[in-house]
């Protein structure tokens, strides 16, 4: 079950997810850059500006989404690497196969359901 060819459908899901995640990262990076540039060009005092907390919140929210997307991309790339090296679909904790249904639902899964539930 660790044959890379047996995971063609999952590899396609991962490739699509990777493409979307890369686009999201680019979009969020652009948004954050625009926010920073806008705040640098403005002489508004965030501490005393009624809109300051909103700007700070939006920047924080975009930064959090960017961090999440970056972590997602790392997970997708790691899954693709496991497919390539033949270790995909094997639980990293117990060494047993990960159910195909779990991999279809969560292609970046590194553990079987039992080990994931055990924490």
PDB file of N, CA and C in Angstrom:
ATOM      1  N   UNK A   1       0.821  -1.201   0.000  1.00  0.00           N
ATOM      2  CA  UNK A   1       0.000   0.000   0.000  1.00  0.00           C
ATOM      3  C   UNK A   1       0.863   1.262   0.000  1.00  0.00           C
ATOM      4  N   UNK A   2       2.168   1.121   0.122  1.00  0.00           N
ATOM      5  CA  UNK A   2       3.024   2.307   0.130  1.00  0.00           C
ATOM      6  C   UNK A   2       3.603   2.589  -1.252  1.00  0.00           C
ATOM      7  N   UNK A   3       3.106   1.898  -2.256  1.00  0.00           N
ATOM      8  CA  UNK A   3       3.538   2.138  -3.623  1.00  0.00           C
ATOM      9  C   UNK A   3       3.033   3.507  -4.079  1.00  0.00           C
ATOM     10  N   UNK A   4       3.936   4.383  -4.547  1.00  0.00           N
ATOM     11  CA  UNK A   4       3.505   5.725  -4.961  1.00  0.00           C
ATOM     12  C   UNK A   4       2.375   5.722  -5.983  1.00  0.00           C
ATOM     13  N   UNK A   5       2.305   4.726  -6.841  1.00  0.00           N
ATOM     14  CA  UNK A   5       1.255   4.678  -7.863  1.00  0.00           C
ATOM     15  C   UNK A   5      -0.118   4.398  -7.261  1.00  0.00           C
ATOM     16  N   UNK A   6      -0.168   3.769  -6.077  1.00  0.00           N
ATOM     17  CA  UNK A   6      -1.458   3.476  -5.458  1.00  0.00           C
ATOM     18  C   UNK A   6      -2.093   4.725  -4.863  1.00  0.00           C
ATOM     19  N   UNK A   7      -1.364   5.822  -4.843  1.00  0.00           N
ATOM     20  CA  UNK A   7      -1.870   7.066  -4.280  1.00  0.00           C
ATOM     21  C   UNK A   7      -2.061   8.151  -5.331  1.00  0.00           C
ATOM     22  N   UNK A   8      -2.320   7.774  -6.568  1.00  0.00           N
ATOM     23  CA  UNK A   8      -2.470   8.760  -7.649  1.00  0.00           C
ATOM     24  C   UNK A   8      -3.600   9.749  -7.357  1.00  0.00           C
ATOM     25  N   UNK A   9      -4.742   9.251  -6.874  1.00  0.00           N
ATOM     26  CA  UNK A   9      -5.875  10.127  -6.580  1.00  0.00           C
ATOM     27  C   UNK A   9      -5.521  11.106  -5.451  1.00  0.00           C
ATOM     28  N   UNK A  10      -4.863  10.587  -4.438  1.00  0.00           N
ATOM     29  CA  UNK A  10      -4.482  11.432  -3.308  1.00  0.00           C
ATOM     30  C   UNK A  10      -3.410  12.431  -3.732  1.00  0.00           C
ATOM     31  N   UNK A  11      -2.479  12.005  -4.570  1.00  0.00           N
ATOM     32  CA  UNK A  11      -1.445  12.916  -5.070  1.00  0.00           C
ATOM     33  C   UNK A  11      -2.092  14.083  -5.817  1.00  0.00           C
ATOM     34  N   UNK A  12      -3.144  13.806  -6.561  1.00  0.00           N
ATOM     35  CA  UNK A  12      -3.872  14.853  -7.286  1.00  0.00           C
ATOM     36  C   UNK A  12      -4.560  15.815  -6.305  1.00  0.00           C
ATOM     37  N   UNK A  13      -5.178  15.260  -5.258  1.00  0.00           N
ATOM     38  CA  UNK A  13      -5.792  16.104  -4.230  1.00  0.00           C
ATOM     39  C   UNK A  13      -4.746  17.013  -3.587  1.00  0.00           C
ATOM     40  N   UNK A  14      -3.591  16.442  -3.283  1.00  0.00           N
ATOM     41  CA  UNK A  14      -2.519  17.217  -2.669  1.00  0.00           C
ATOM     42  C   UNK A  14      -1.989  18.295  -3.613  1.00  0.00           C
ATOM     43  N   UNK A  15      -1.848  17.949  -4.884  1.00  0.00           N
ATOM     44  CA  UNK A  15      -1.355  18.926  -5.863  1.00  0.00           C
ATOM     45  C   UNK A  15      -2.323  20.101  -5.992  1.00  0.00           C
ATOM     46  N   UNK A  16      -3.622  19.801  -6.010  1.00  0.00           N
ATOM     47  CA  UNK A  16      -4.635  20.856  -6.077  1.00  0.00           C
ATOM     48  C   UNK A  16      -4.602  21.710  -4.818  1.00  0.00           C
ATOM     49  N   UNK A  17      -4.502  21.056  -3.667  1.00  0.00           N
ATOM     50  CA  UNK A  17      -4.424  21.768  -2.398  1.00  0.00           C
ATOM     51  C   UNK A  17      -3.179  22.651  -2.368  1.00  0.00           C
ATOM     52  N   UNK A  18      -2.069  22.135  -2.861  1.00  0.00           N
ATOM     53  CA  UNK A  18      -0.819  22.899  -2.881  1.00  0.00           C
ATOM     54  C   UNK A  18      -0.967  24.148  -3.734  1.00  0.00           C
ATOM     55  N   UNK A  19      -1.565  23.992  -4.896  1.00  0.00           N
ATOM     56  CA  UNK A  19      -1.748  25.126  -5.804  1.00  0.00           C
ATOM     57  C   UNK A  19      -2.608  26.210  -5.148  1.00  0.00           C
ATOM     58  N   UNK A  20      -3.708  25.800  -4.536  1.00  0.00           N
ATOM     59  CA  UNK A  20      -4.586  26.763  -3.858  1.00  0.00           C
ATOM     60  C   UNK A  20      -3.887  27.439  -2.687  1.00  0.00           C
ATOM     61  N   UNK A  21      -3.101  26.669  -1.948  1.00  0.00           N
ATOM     62  CA  UNK A  21      -2.403  27.212  -0.788  1.00  0.00           C
ATOM     63  C   UNK A  21      -1.320  28.203  -1.205  1.00  0.00           C
ATOM     64  N   UNK A  22      -0.604  27.899  -2.276  1.00  0.00           N
ATOM     65  CA  UNK A  22       0.409  28.831  -2.781  1.00  0.00           C
ATOM     66  C   UNK A  22      -0.252  30.140  -3.213  1.00  0.00           C
ATOM     67  N   UNK A  23      -1.392  30.044  -3.878  1.00  0.00           N
ATOM     68  CA  UNK A  23      -2.126  31.252  -4.290  1.00  0.00           C
ATOM     69  C   UNK A  23      -2.602  32.046  -3.073  1.00  0.00           C
ATOM     70  N   UNK A  24      -3.074  31.351  -2.045  1.00  0.00           N
ATOM     71  CA  UNK A  24      -3.527  32.022  -0.821  1.00  0.00           C
ATOM     72  C   UNK A  24      -2.369  32.737  -0.138  1.00  0.00           C
ATOM     73  N   UNK A  25      -1.218  32.076  -0.077  1.00  0.00           N
ATOM     74  CA  UNK A  25      -0.032  32.686   0.535  1.00  0.00           C
ATOM     75  C   UNK A  25       0.359  33.955  -0.212  1.00  0.00           C
ATOM     76  N   UNK A  26       0.351  33.889  -1.529  1.00  0.00           N
ATOM     77  CA  UNK A  26       0.695  35.069  -2.326  1.00  0.00           C
ATOM     78  C   UNK A  26      -0.297  36.202  -2.074  1.00  0.00           C
ATOM     79  N   UNK A  27      -1.565  35.876  -2.022  1.00  0.00           N
ATOM     80  CA  UNK A  27      -2.599  36.885  -1.782  1.00  0.00           C
ATOM     81  C   UNK A  27      -2.454  37.509  -0.399  1.00  0.00           C
ATOM     82  N   UNK A  28      -2.287  36.669   0.617  1.00  0.00           N
ATOM     83  CA  UNK A  28      -2.146  37.181   1.981  1.00  0.00           C
ATOM     84  C   UNK A  28      -0.870  38.004   2.140  1.00  0.00           C
ATOM     85  N   UNK A  29       0.201  37.558   1.509  1.00  0.00           N
ATOM     86  CA  UNK A  29       1.462  38.314   1.569  1.00  0.00           C
ATOM     87  C   UNK A  29       1.274  39.691   0.963  1.00  0.00           C
ATOM     88  N   UNK A  30       0.575  39.753  -0.158  1.00  0.00           N
ATOM     89  CA  UNK A  30       0.296  41.033  -0.800  1.00  0.00           C
ATOM     90  C   UNK A  30      -0.573  41.923   0.063  1.00  0.00           C
ATOM     91  N   UNK A  31      -1.563  41.329   0.705  1.00  0.00           N
ATOM     92  CA  UNK A  31      -2.448  42.083   1.591  1.00  0.00           C
ATOM     93  C   UNK A  31      -1.671  42.667   2.761  1.00  0.00           C
ATOM     94  N   UNK A  32      -0.823  41.859   3.363  1.00  0.00           N
ATOM     95  CA  UNK A  32      -0.034  42.327   4.505  1.00  0.00           C
ATOM     96  C   UNK A  32       0.927  43.423   4.071  1.00  0.00           C
ATOM     97  N   UNK A  33       1.564  43.233   2.933  1.00  0.00           N
ATOM     98  CA  UNK A  33       2.479  44.254   2.422  1.00  0.00           C
ATOM     99  C   UNK A  33       1.737  45.567   2.190  1.00  0.00           C
ATOM    100  N   UNK A  34       0.561  45.484   1.611  1.00  0.00           N
ATOM    101  CA  UNK A  34      -0.248  46.688   1.371  1.00  0.00           C
ATOM    102  C   UNK A  34      -0.623  47.371   2.680  1.00  0.00           C
ATOM    103  N   UNK A  35      -0.985  46.591   3.673  1.00  0.00           N
ATOM    104  CA  UNK A  35      -1.343  47.158   4.972  1.00  0.00           C
ATOM    105  C   UNK A  35      -0.155  47.874   5.609  1.00  0.00           C
ATOM    106  N   UNK A  36       0.994  47.239   5.553  1.00  0.00           N
ATOM    107  CA  UNK A  36       2.192  47.827   6.150  1.00  0.00           C
ATOM    108  C   UNK A  36       2.562  49.114   5.417  1.00  0.00           C
ATOM    109  N   UNK A  37       2.542  49.068   4.081  1.00  0.00           N
ATOM    110  CA  UNK A  37       2.862  50.262   3.304  1.00  0.00           C
ATOM    111  C   UNK A  37       1.874  51.388   3.576  1.00  0.00           C
ATOM    112  N   UNK A  38       0.607  51.058   3.671  1.00  0.00           N
ATOM    113  CA  UNK A  38      -0.411  52.076   3.935  1.00  0.00           C
ATOM    114  C   UNK A  38      -0.218  52.697   5.311  1.00  0.00           C
ATOM    115  N   UNK A  39       0.132  51.876   6.283  1.00  0.00           N
ATOM    116  CA  UNK A  39       0.323  52.420   7.629  1.00  0.00           C
ATOM    117  C   UNK A  39       1.601  53.245   7.724  1.00  0.00           C
ATOM    118  N   UNK A  40       2.615  52.904   6.929  1.00  0.00           N
ATOM    119  CA  UNK A  40       3.860  53.679   6.934  1.00  0.00           C
ATOM    120  C   UNK A  40       3.671  55.031   6.250  1.00  0.00           C
ATOM    121  N   UNK A  41       2.810  55.078   5.253  1.00  0.00           N
ATOM    122  CA  UNK A  41       2.581  56.316   4.516  1.00  0.00           C
ATOM    123  C   UNK A  41       1.607  57.230   5.245  1.00  0.00           C
ATOM    124  N   UNK A  42       0.916  56.682   6.198  1.00  0.00           N
ATOM    125  CA  UNK A  42      -0.045  57.466   6.968  1.00  0.00           C
ATOM    126  C   UNK A  42       0.632  57.977   8.232  1.00  0.00           C
ATOM    127  N   UNK A  43       0.267  59.158   8.635  1.00  0.00           N
ATOM    128  CA  UNK A  43       0.831  59.658   9.881  1.00  0.00           C
ATOM    129  C   UNK A  43      -0.169  59.479  11.020  1.00  0.00           C
ATOM    130  N   UNK A  44      -1.061  58.524  10.868  1.00  0.00           N
ATOM    131  CA  UNK A  44      -2.045  58.228  11.905  1.00  0.00           C
ATOM    132  C   UNK A  44      -1.359  57.573  13.095  1.00  0.00           C
ATOM    133  N   UNK A  45      -1.806  57.911  14.242  1.00  0.00           N
ATOM    134  CA  UNK A  45      -1.300  57.343  15.482  1.00  0.00           C
ATOM    135  C   UNK A  45      -2.236  56.209  15.881  1.00  0.00           C
ATOM    136  N   UNK A  46      -1.797  54.955  15.638  1.00  0.00           N
ATOM    137  CA  UNK A  46      -2.659  53.796  15.913  1.00  0.00           C
ATOM    138  C   UNK A  46      -3.163  53.775  17.350  1.00  0.00           C
ATOM    139  N   UNK A  47      -2.346  54.229  18.273  1.00  0.00           N
ATOM    140  CA  UNK A  47      -2.720  54.169  19.676  1.00  0.00           C
ATOM    141  C   UNK A  47      -3.894  55.099  19.990  1.00  0.00           C
ATOM    142  N   UNK A  48      -3.954  56.227  19.292  1.00  0.00           N
ATOM    143  CA  UNK A  48      -4.998  57.197  19.576  1.00  0.00           C
ATOM    144  C   UNK A  48      -6.030  57.328  18.453  1.00  0.00           C
ATOM    145  N   UNK A  49      -5.813  56.621  17.380  1.00  0.00           N
ATOM    146  CA  UNK A  49      -6.726  56.665  16.231  1.00  0.00           C
ATOM    147  C   UNK A  49      -7.850  55.657  16.458  1.00  0.00           C
ATOM    148  N   UNK A  50      -9.103  56.083  16.351  1.00  0.00           N
ATOM    149  CA  UNK A  50     -10.198  55.129  16.556  1.00  0.00           C
ATOM    150  C   UNK A  50     -10.158  53.963  15.565  1.00  0.00           C
ATOM    151  N   UNK A  51      -9.544  54.151  14.412  1.00  0.00           N
ATOM    152  CA  UNK A  51      -9.419  53.068  13.431  1.00  0.00           C
ATOM    153  C   UNK A  51      -8.172  52.228  13.674  1.00  0.00           C
ATOM    154  N   UNK A  52      -7.302  52.664  14.560  1.00  0.00           N
ATOM    155  CA  UNK A  52      -6.027  51.986  14.806  1.00  0.00           C
ATOM    156  C   UNK A  52      -6.176  50.544  15.214  1.00  0.00           C
ATOM    157  N   UNK A  53      -7.084  50.276  16.138  1.00  0.00           N
ATOM    158  CA  UNK A  53      -7.249  48.896  16.586  1.00  0.00           C
ATOM    159  C   UNK A  53      -7.784  48.021  15.461  1.00  0.00           C
ATOM    160  N   UNK A  54      -8.600  48.582  14.582  1.00  0.00           N
ATOM    161  CA  UNK A  54      -9.116  47.827  13.446  1.00  0.00           C
ATOM    162  C   UNK A  54      -7.989  47.458  12.491  1.00  0.00           C
ATOM    163  N   UNK A  55      -7.121  48.418  12.210  1.00  0.00           N
ATOM    164  CA  UNK A  55      -5.985  48.156  11.324  1.00  0.00           C
ATOM    165  C   UNK A  55      -5.076  47.100  11.940  1.00  0.00           C
ATOM    166  N   UNK A  56      -4.785  47.243  13.229  1.00  0.00           N
ATOM    167  CA  UNK A  56      -3.933  46.268  13.907  1.00  0.00           C
ATOM    168  C   UNK A  56      -4.581  44.885  13.908  1.00  0.00           C
ATOM    169  N   UNK A  57      -5.890  44.849  14.145  1.00  0.00           N
ATOM    170  CA  UNK A  57      -6.607  43.573  14.147  1.00  0.00           C
ATOM    171  C   UNK A  57      -6.554  42.919  12.773  1.00  0.00           C
ATOM    172  N   UNK A  58      -6.813  43.697  11.725  1.00  0.00           N
ATOM    173  CA  UNK A  58      -6.791  43.152  10.359  1.00  0.00           C
ATOM    174  C   UNK A  58      -5.403  42.625   9.997  1.00  0.00           C
ATOM    175  N   UNK A  59      -4.374  43.364  10.385  1.00  0.00           N
ATOM    176  CA  UNK A  59      -3.011  42.916  10.090  1.00  0.00           C
ATOM    177  C   UNK A  59      -2.709  41.635  10.863  1.00  0.00           C
ATOM    178  N   UNK A  60      -3.121  41.576  12.125  1.00  0.00           N
ATOM    179  CA  UNK A  60      -2.904  40.390  12.937  1.00  0.00           C
ATOM    180  C   UNK A  60      -3.650  39.188  12.367  1.00  0.00           C
ATOM    181  N   UNK A  61      -4.885  39.425  11.938  1.00  0.00           N
ATOM    182  CA  UNK A  61      -5.692  38.348  11.354  1.00  0.00           C
ATOM    183  C   UNK A  61      -5.046  37.833  10.066  1.00  0.00           C
ATOM    184  N   UNK A  62      -4.600  38.737   9.212  1.00  0.00           N
ATOM    185  CA  UNK A  62      -3.952  38.332   7.957  1.00  0.00           C
ATOM    186  C   UNK A  62      -2.652  37.588   8.246  1.00  0.00           C
ATOM    187  N   UNK A  63      -1.913  38.033   9.247  1.00  0.00           N
ATOM    188  CA  UNK A  63      -0.662  37.357   9.607  1.00  0.00           C
ATOM    189  C   UNK A  63      -0.920  35.953  10.132  1.00  0.00           C
ATOM    190  N   UNK A  64      -1.983  35.796  10.916  1.00  0.00           N
ATOM    191  CA  UNK A  64      -2.346  34.479  11.432  1.00  0.00           C
ATOM    192  C   UNK A  64      -2.763  33.549  10.295  1.00  0.00           C
ATOM    193  N   UNK A  65      -3.559  34.070   9.363  1.00  0.00           N
ATOM    194  CA  UNK A  65      -3.967  33.263   8.203  1.00  0.00           C
ATOM    195  C   UNK A  65      -2.757  32.879   7.359  1.00  0.00           C
ATOM    196  N   UNK A  66      -1.802  33.793   7.210  1.00  0.00           N
ATOM    197  CA  UNK A  66      -0.584  33.502   6.450  1.00  0.00           C
ATOM    198  C   UNK A  66       0.219  32.400   7.128  1.00  0.00           C
ATOM    199  N   UNK A  67       0.366  32.479   8.437  1.00  0.00           N
ATOM    200  CA  UNK A  67       1.099  31.441   9.170  1.00  0.00           C
ATOM    201  C   UNK A  67       0.415  30.082   9.018  1.00  0.00           C
ATOM    202  N   UNK A  68      -0.907  30.081   9.082  1.00  0.00           N
ATOM    203  CA  UNK A  68      -1.659  28.834   8.918  1.00  0.00           C
ATOM    204  C   UNK A  68      -1.488  28.266   7.509  1.00  0.00           C
ATOM    205  N   UNK A  69      -1.549  29.128   6.508  1.00  0.00           N
ATOM    206  CA  UNK A  69      -1.389  28.679   5.122  1.00  0.00           C
ATOM    207  C   UNK A  69       0.031  28.161   4.882  1.00  0.00           C
ATOM    208  N   UNK A  70       1.011  28.816   5.483  1.00  0.00           N
ATOM    209  CA  UNK A  70       2.405  28.378   5.338  1.00  0.00           C
ATOM    210  C   UNK A  70       2.597  27.003   5.972  1.00  0.00           C
ATOM    211  N   UNK A  71       1.996  26.795   7.140  1.00  0.00           N
ATOM    212  CA  UNK A  71       2.068  25.479   7.789  1.00  0.00           C
ATOM    213  C   UNK A  71       1.350  24.436   6.939  1.00  0.00           C
ATOM    214  N   UNK A  72       0.224  24.812   6.356  1.00  0.00           N
ATOM    215  CA  UNK A  72      -0.527  23.898   5.483  1.00  0.00           C
ATOM    216  C   UNK A  72       0.330  23.479   4.293  1.00  0.00           C
ATOM    217  N   UNK A  73       1.011  24.451   3.688  1.00  0.00           N
ATOM    218  CA  UNK A  73       1.881  24.152   2.550  1.00  0.00           C
ATOM    219  C   UNK A  73       2.989  23.184   2.961  1.00  0.00           C
ATOM    220  N   UNK A  74       3.565  23.376   4.127  1.00  0.00           N
ATOM    221  CA  UNK A  74       4.604  22.465   4.617  1.00  0.00           C
ATOM    222  C   UNK A  74       4.050  21.057   4.799  1.00  0.00           C
ATOM    223  N   UNK A  75       2.811  20.949   5.325  1.00  0.00           N
ATOM    224  CA  UNK A  75       2.182  19.636   5.493  1.00  0.00           C
ATOM    225  C   UNK A  75       1.929  18.957   4.149  1.00  0.00           C
ATOM    226  N   UNK A  76       1.450  19.725   3.182  1.00  0.00           N
ATOM    227  CA  UNK A  76       1.183  19.178   1.842  1.00  0.00           C
ATOM    228  C   UNK A  76       2.493  18.724   1.197  1.00  0.00           C
ATOM    229  N   UNK A  77       3.525  19.556   1.283  1.00  0.00           N
ATOM    230  CA  UNK A  77       4.820  19.188   0.702  1.00  0.00           C
ATOM    231  C   UNK A  77       5.400  17.946   1.378  1.00  0.00           C
ATOM    232  N   UNK A  78       5.218  17.843   2.694  1.00  0.00           N
ATOM    233  CA  UNK A  78       5.702  16.657   3.416  1.00  0.00           C
ATOM    234  C   UNK A  78       4.949  15.409   2.965  1.00  0.00           C
ATOM    235  N   UNK A  79       3.642  15.534   2.752  1.00  0.00           N
ATOM    236  CA  UNK A  79       2.853  14.390   2.282  1.00  0.00           C
ATOM    237  C   UNK A  79       3.304  13.969   0.883  1.00  0.00           C
ATOM    238  N   UNK A  80       3.524  14.943   0.016  1.00  0.00           N
ATOM    239  CA  UNK A  80       4.006  14.624  -1.338  1.00  0.00           C
ATOM    240  C   UNK A  80       5.381  13.948  -1.282  1.00  0.00           C
ATOM    241  N   UNK A  81       6.222  14.391  -0.372  1.00  0.00           N
ATOM    242  CA  UNK A  81       7.548  13.767  -0.217  1.00  0.00           C
ATOM    243  C   UNK A  81       7.409  12.329   0.290  1.00  0.00           C
ATOM    244  N   UNK A  82       6.455  12.093   1.203  1.00  0.00           N
ATOM    245  CA  UNK A  82       6.240  10.727   1.691  1.00  0.00           C
ATOM    246  C   UNK A  82       5.724   9.822   0.581  1.00  0.00           C
ATOM    247  N   UNK A  83       4.881  10.359  -0.293  1.00  0.00           N
ATOM    248  CA  UNK A  83       4.424   9.558  -1.432  1.00  0.00           C
ATOM    249  C   UNK A  83       5.625   9.190  -2.296  1.00  0.00           C
ATOM    250  N   UNK A  84       6.462  10.164  -2.576  1.00  0.00           N
ATOM    251  CA  UNK A  84       7.629   9.940  -3.434  1.00  0.00           C
ATOM    252  C   UNK A  84       8.607   8.939  -2.833  1.00  0.00           C
ATOM    253  N   UNK A  85       8.788   8.974  -1.512  1.00  0.00           N
ATOM    254  CA  UNK A  85       9.784   8.066  -0.919  1.00  0.00           C
ATOM    255  C   UNK A  85       9.194   6.750  -0.411  1.00  0.00           C
ATOM    256  N   UNK A  86       7.863   6.572  -0.616  1.00  0.00           N
ATOM    257  CA  UNK A  86       7.246   5.288  -0.283  1.00  0.00           C
ATOM    258  C   UNK A  86       6.832   5.131   1.172  1.00  0.00           C
ATOM    259  N   UNK A  87       6.841   6.204   1.953  1.00  0.00           N
ATOM    260  CA  UNK A  87       6.437   6.092   3.352  1.00  0.00           C
ATOM    261  C   UNK A  87       5.035   6.643   3.604  1.00  0.00           C
ATOM    262  N   UNK A  88       4.385   7.126   2.567  1.00  0.00           N
ATOM    263  CA  UNK A  88       3.044   7.686   2.714  1.00  0.00           C
ATOM    264  C   UNK A  88       2.066   6.572   3.054  1.00  0.00           C
ATOM    265  N   UNK A  89       1.110   6.887   3.926  1.00  0.00           N
ATOM    266  CA  UNK A  89       0.079   5.917   4.277  1.00  0.00           C
ATOM    267  C   UNK A  89       0.468   5.005   5.412  1.00  0.00           C
ATOM    268  N   UNK A  90       1.617   5.276   6.030  1.00  0.00           N
ATOM    269  CA  UNK A  90       2.079   4.495   7.169  1.00  0.00           C
ATOM    270  C   UNK A  90       2.084   5.412   8.386  1.00  0.00           C
ATOM    271  N   UNK A  91       1.434   4.981   9.460  1.00  0.00           N
ATOM    272  CA  UNK A  91       1.350   5.782  10.672  1.00  0.00           C
ATOM    273  C   UNK A  91       2.748   6.027  11.239  1.00  0.00           C
ATOM    274  N   UNK A  92       3.036   7.280  11.536  1.00  0.00           N
ATOM    275  CA  UNK A  92       4.343   7.641  12.081  1.00  0.00           C
ATOM    276  C   UNK A  92       4.509   7.218  13.530  1.00  0.00           C
ATOM    277  N   UNK A  93       3.414   6.849  14.208  1.00  0.00           N
ATOM    278  CA  UNK A  93       3.506   6.418  15.613  1.00  0.00           C
ATOM    279  C   UNK A  93       3.598   4.911  15.748  1.00  0.00           C
ATOM    280  N   UNK A  94       2.646   4.205  15.125  1.00  0.00           N
ATOM    281  CA  UNK A  94       2.577   2.759  15.349  1.00  0.00           C
ATOM    282  C   UNK A  94       3.105   1.938  14.172  1.00  0.00           C
ATOM    283  N   UNK A  95       3.273   2.572  13.015  1.00  0.00           N
ATOM    284  CA  UNK A  95       3.799   1.862  11.854  1.00  0.00           C
ATOM    285  C   UNK A  95       2.770   1.075  11.059  1.00  0.00           C
ATOM    286  N   UNK A  96       1.519   1.119  11.480  1.00  0.00           N
ATOM    287  CA  UNK A  96       0.469   0.413  10.745  1.00  0.00           C
ATOM    288  C   UNK A  96      -0.042   1.291   9.605  1.00  0.00           C
ATOM    289  N   UNK A  97      -0.705   0.666   8.631  1.00  0.00           N
ATOM    290  CA  UNK A  97      -1.264   1.460   7.524  1.00  0.00           C
ATOM    291  C   UNK A  97      -2.340   2.425   7.997  1.00  0.00           C
ATOM    292  N   UNK A  98      -2.396   3.584   7.373  1.00  0.00           N
ATOM    293  CA  UNK A  98      -3.454   4.552   7.622  1.00  0.00           C
ATOM    294  C   UNK A  98      -4.583   4.228   6.649  1.00  0.00           C
ATOM    295  N   UNK A  99      -5.794   4.180   7.155  1.00  0.00           N
ATOM    296  CA  UNK A  99      -6.945   3.827   6.318  1.00  0.00           C
ATOM    297  C   UNK A  99      -7.059   4.773   5.125  1.00  0.00           C
ATOM    298  N   UNK A 100      -7.338   4.198   3.975  1.00  0.00           N
ATOM    299  CA  UNK A 100      -7.467   4.995   2.752  1.00  0.00           C
ATOM    300  C   UNK A 100      -8.535   6.083   2.903  1.00  0.00           C
ATOM    301  N   UNK A 101      -9.630   5.759   3.595  1.00  0.00           N
ATOM    302  CA  UNK A 101     -10.691   6.738   3.807  1.00  0.00           C
ATOM    303  C   UNK A 101     -10.172   7.951   4.567  1.00  0.00           C
ATOM    304  N   UNK A 102      -9.318   7.704   5.559  1.00  0.00           N
ATOM    305  CA  UNK A 102      -8.720   8.816   6.314  1.00  0.00           C
ATOM    306  C   UNK A 102      -7.827   9.645   5.405  1.00  0.00           C
ATOM    307  N   UNK A 103      -7.051   8.986   4.575  1.00  0.00           N
ATOM    308  CA  UNK A 103      -6.145   9.705   3.671  1.00  0.00           C
ATOM    309  C   UNK A 103      -6.915  10.505   2.631  1.00  0.00           C
ATOM    310  N   UNK A 104      -8.040   9.990   2.184  1.00  0.00           N
ATOM    311  CA  UNK A 104      -8.864  10.746   1.237  1.00  0.00           C
ATOM    312  C   UNK A 104      -9.494  11.964   1.916  1.00  0.00           C
ATOM    313  N   UNK A 105      -9.899  11.795   3.175  1.00  0.00           N
ATOM    314  CA  UNK A 105     -10.513  12.896   3.912  1.00  0.00           C
ATOM    315  C   UNK A 105      -9.479  13.914   4.378  1.00  0.00           C
ATOM    316  N   UNK A 106      -8.302  13.428   4.730  1.00  0.00           N
ATOM    317  CA  UNK A 106      -7.224  14.288   5.234  1.00  0.00           C
ATOM    318  C   UNK A 106      -5.904  13.804   4.639  1.00  0.00           C
ATOM    319  N   UNK A 107      -5.618  14.212   3.411  1.00  0.00           N
ATOM    320  CA  UNK A 107      -4.444  13.688   2.700  1.00  0.00           C
ATOM    321  C   UNK A 107      -3.104  13.957   3.378  1.00  0.00           C
ATOM    322  N   UNK A 108      -3.054  14.915   4.292  1.00  0.00           N
ATOM    323  CA  UNK A 108      -1.785  15.217   4.953  1.00  0.00           C
ATOM    324  C   UNK A 108      -1.610  14.428   6.254  1.00  0.00           C
ATOM    325  N   UNK A 109      -2.554  13.531   6.553  1.00  0.00           N
ATOM    326  CA  UNK A 109      -2.504  12.765   7.813  1.00  0.00           C
ATOM    327  C   UNK A 109      -1.189  12.004   7.922  1.00  0.00           C
ATOM    328  N   UNK A 110      -0.622  12.056   9.133  1.00  0.00           N
ATOM    329  CA  UNK A 110       0.633  11.337   9.420  1.00  0.00           C
ATOM    330  C   UNK A 110       0.398  10.153  10.337  1.00  0.00           C
ATOM    331  N   UNK A 111      -0.798  10.096  10.937  1.00  0.00           N
ATOM    332  CA  UNK A 111      -1.091   9.020  11.885  1.00  0.00           C
ATOM    333  C   UNK A 111      -2.421   8.365  11.547  1.00  0.00           C
ATOM    334  N   UNK A 112      -2.564   7.136  12.002  1.00  0.00           N
ATOM    335  CA  UNK A 112      -3.833   6.426  11.841  1.00  0.00           C
ATOM    336  C   UNK A 112      -4.854   7.039  12.791  1.00  0.00           C
ATOM    337  N   UNK A 113      -6.098   6.670  12.636  1.00  0.00           N
ATOM    338  CA  UNK A 113      -7.165   7.233  13.473  1.00  0.00           C
ATOM    339  C   UNK A 113      -6.936   6.889  14.947  1.00  0.00           C
ATOM    340  N   UNK A 114      -6.551   5.662  15.232  1.00  0.00           N
ATOM    341  CA  UNK A 114      -6.336   5.252  16.632  1.00  0.00           C
ATOM    342  C   UNK A 114      -5.254   6.111  17.290  1.00  0.00           C
ATOM    343  N   UNK A 115      -4.149   6.317  16.620  1.00  0.00           N
ATOM    344  CA  UNK A 115      -3.058   7.125  17.196  1.00  0.00           C
ATOM    345  C   UNK A 115      -3.441   8.599  17.262  1.00  0.00           C
ATOM    346  N   UNK A 116      -4.185   9.074  16.284  1.00  0.00           N
ATOM    347  CA  UNK A 116      -4.635  10.479  16.314  1.00  0.00           C
ATOM    348  C   UNK A 116      -5.579  10.701  17.483  1.00  0.00           C
ATOM    349  N   UNK A 117      -6.465   9.734  17.757  1.00  0.00           N
ATOM    350  CA  UNK A 117      -7.410   9.851  18.869  1.00  0.00           C
ATOM    351  C   UNK A 117      -6.697   9.781  20.207  1.00  0.00           C
ATOM    352  N   UNK A 118      -5.597   9.025  20.254  1.00  0.00           N
ATOM    353  CA  UNK A 118      -4.844   8.879  21.497  1.00  0.00           C
ATOM    354  C   UNK A 118      -4.066  10.144  21.842  1.00  0.00           C
ATOM    355  N   UNK A 119      -3.924  11.006  20.828  1.00  0.00           N
ATOM    356  CA  UNK A 119      -3.262  12.298  21.058  1.00  0.00           C
ATOM    357  C   UNK A 119      -1.824  12.169  20.937  1.00  0.00           C
TER     358      UNK A 119
END
